[in-house]
């Protein structure tokens, strides 16, 4: 579970950095970096959704194993 927690923190920081860099590149008029940051932002959001689904699945499996032991 610690691995998922650390990965979630890294993804959150990367998403925040890409949003900030997208805003700054839009304000400066650098559209190349804006499009690159948007593309990377979409990829990181997808990875975060996959991570959350994996954590939800592992938590459900853990609860089922606890019920079986009782």
C-alpha atoms as a PDB file:
ATOM      1  CA  UNK A   1       0.000   0.000   0.000  1.00  0.00           C
ATOM      2  CA  UNK A   2       2.927   2.341   0.618  1.00  0.00           C
ATOM      3  CA  UNK A   3       3.914   2.022  -3.031  1.00  0.00           C
ATOM      4  CA  UNK A   4       0.458   3.184  -4.121  1.00  0.00           C
ATOM      5  CA  UNK A   5       0.543   6.076  -1.652  1.00  0.00           C
ATOM      6  CA  UNK A   6       3.908   7.348  -2.895  1.00  0.00           C
ATOM      7  CA  UNK A   7       2.882   6.924  -6.529  1.00  0.00           C
ATOM      8  CA  UNK A   8      -0.303   8.898  -5.853  1.00  0.00           C
ATOM      9  CA  UNK A   9       1.699  11.759  -4.319  1.00  0.00           C
ATOM     10  CA  UNK A  10       4.094  11.806  -7.290  1.00  0.00           C
ATOM     11  CA  UNK A  11       1.195  11.832  -9.749  1.00  0.00           C
ATOM     12  CA  UNK A  12      -0.508  14.676  -7.879  1.00  0.00           C
ATOM     13  CA  UNK A  13       2.669  16.756  -7.913  1.00  0.00           C
ATOM     14  CA  UNK A  14       3.253  16.070 -11.614  1.00  0.00           C
ATOM     15  CA  UNK A  15      -0.339  16.995 -12.470  1.00  0.00           C
ATOM     16  CA  UNK A  16      -0.058  20.232 -10.489  1.00  0.00           C
ATOM     17  CA  UNK A  17       3.240  21.086 -12.198  1.00  0.00           C
ATOM     18  CA  UNK A  18       1.793  20.430 -15.656  1.00  0.00           C
ATOM     19  CA  UNK A  19      -1.249  22.585 -14.958  1.00  0.00           C
ATOM     20  CA  UNK A  20       1.049  25.381 -13.798  1.00  0.00           C
ATOM     21  CA  UNK A  21       3.352  25.020 -16.797  1.00  0.00           C
ATOM     22  CA  UNK A  22       0.342  24.979 -19.119  1.00  0.00           C
ATOM     23  CA  UNK A  23      -0.968  28.205 -17.642  1.00  0.00           C
ATOM     24  CA  UNK A  24       2.440  29.867 -17.841  1.00  0.00           C
ATOM     25  CA  UNK A  25       3.037  28.745 -21.421  1.00  0.00           C
ATOM     26  CA  UNK A  26      -0.401  30.042 -22.420  1.00  0.00           C
ATOM     27  CA  UNK A  27       0.306  33.408 -20.850  1.00  0.00           C
ATOM     28  CA  UNK A  28       3.672  33.701 -22.599  1.00  0.00           C
ATOM     29  CA  UNK A  29       2.220  32.570 -25.916  1.00  0.00           C
ATOM     30  CA  UNK A  30       4.375  29.460 -26.252  1.00  0.00           C
ATOM     31  CA  UNK A  31       1.836  27.085 -27.766  1.00  0.00           C
ATOM     32  CA  UNK A  32       4.228  24.187 -28.322  1.00  0.00           C
ATOM     33  CA  UNK A  33       4.800  23.728 -24.598  1.00  0.00           C
ATOM     34  CA  UNK A  34       1.105  24.261 -23.977  1.00  0.00           C
ATOM     35  CA  UNK A  35       0.164  21.348 -26.245  1.00  0.00           C
ATOM     36  CA  UNK A  36       2.908  19.147 -24.794  1.00  0.00           C
ATOM     37  CA  UNK A  37       1.754  19.870 -21.242  1.00  0.00           C
ATOM     38  CA  UNK A  38      -1.875  19.149 -22.154  1.00  0.00           C
ATOM     39  CA  UNK A  39      -0.901  15.819 -23.732  1.00  0.00           C
ATOM     40  CA  UNK A  40       1.163  14.809 -20.706  1.00  0.00           C
ATOM     41  CA  UNK A  41      -1.620  15.956 -18.407  1.00  0.00           C
ATOM     42  CA  UNK A  42      -4.086  13.636 -20.135  1.00  0.00           C
ATOM     43  CA  UNK A  43      -1.657  10.717 -19.781  1.00  0.00           C
ATOM     44  CA  UNK A  44      -1.061  11.387 -16.086  1.00  0.00           C
ATOM     45  CA  UNK A  45      -4.770  11.704 -15.347  1.00  0.00           C
ATOM     46  CA  UNK A  46      -5.323   8.368 -17.096  1.00  0.00           C
ATOM     47  CA  UNK A  47      -2.572   6.793 -14.979  1.00  0.00           C
ATOM     48  CA  UNK A  48      -4.136   8.222 -11.833  1.00  0.00           C
ATOM     49  CA  UNK A  49      -7.524   6.726 -12.718  1.00  0.00           C
ATOM     50  CA  UNK A  50      -5.882   3.340 -13.342  1.00  0.00           C
ATOM     51  CA  UNK A  51      -4.061   3.614 -10.007  1.00  0.00           C
ATOM     52  CA  UNK A  52      -7.285   4.405  -8.144  1.00  0.00           C
ATOM     53  CA  UNK A  53      -9.059   1.467  -9.756  1.00  0.00           C
ATOM     54  CA  UNK A  54      -6.185  -0.829  -8.771  1.00  0.00           C
ATOM     55  CA  UNK A  55      -6.250   0.387  -5.176  1.00  0.00           C
ATOM     56  CA  UNK A  56     -10.010  -0.056  -4.996  1.00  0.00           C
ATOM     57  CA  UNK A  57      -9.664  -3.615  -6.316  1.00  0.00           C
ATOM     58  CA  UNK A  58      -6.910  -4.508  -3.857  1.00  0.00           C
ATOM     59  CA  UNK A  59      -8.908  -3.089  -0.935  1.00  0.00           C
ATOM     60  CA  UNK A  60     -11.944  -5.162  -1.926  1.00  0.00           C
ATOM     61  CA  UNK A  61      -9.815  -8.304  -2.176  1.00  0.00           C
ATOM     62  CA  UNK A  62      -8.326  -7.583   1.240  1.00  0.00           C
ATOM     63  CA  UNK A  63     -11.768  -7.199   2.797  1.00  0.00           C
ATOM     64  CA  UNK A  64     -12.941 -10.455   1.215  1.00  0.00           C
ATOM     65  CA  UNK A  65      -9.924 -12.300   2.595  1.00  0.00           C
ATOM     66  CA  UNK A  66     -10.635 -10.946   6.069  1.00  0.00           C
ATOM     67  CA  UNK A  67     -14.244 -12.153   5.858  1.00  0.00           C
ATOM     68  CA  UNK A  68     -13.108 -15.616   4.795  1.00  0.00           C
ATOM     69  CA  UNK A  69     -10.760 -15.892   7.769  1.00  0.00           C
ATOM     70  CA  UNK A  70     -13.562 -15.114  10.249  1.00  0.00           C
END
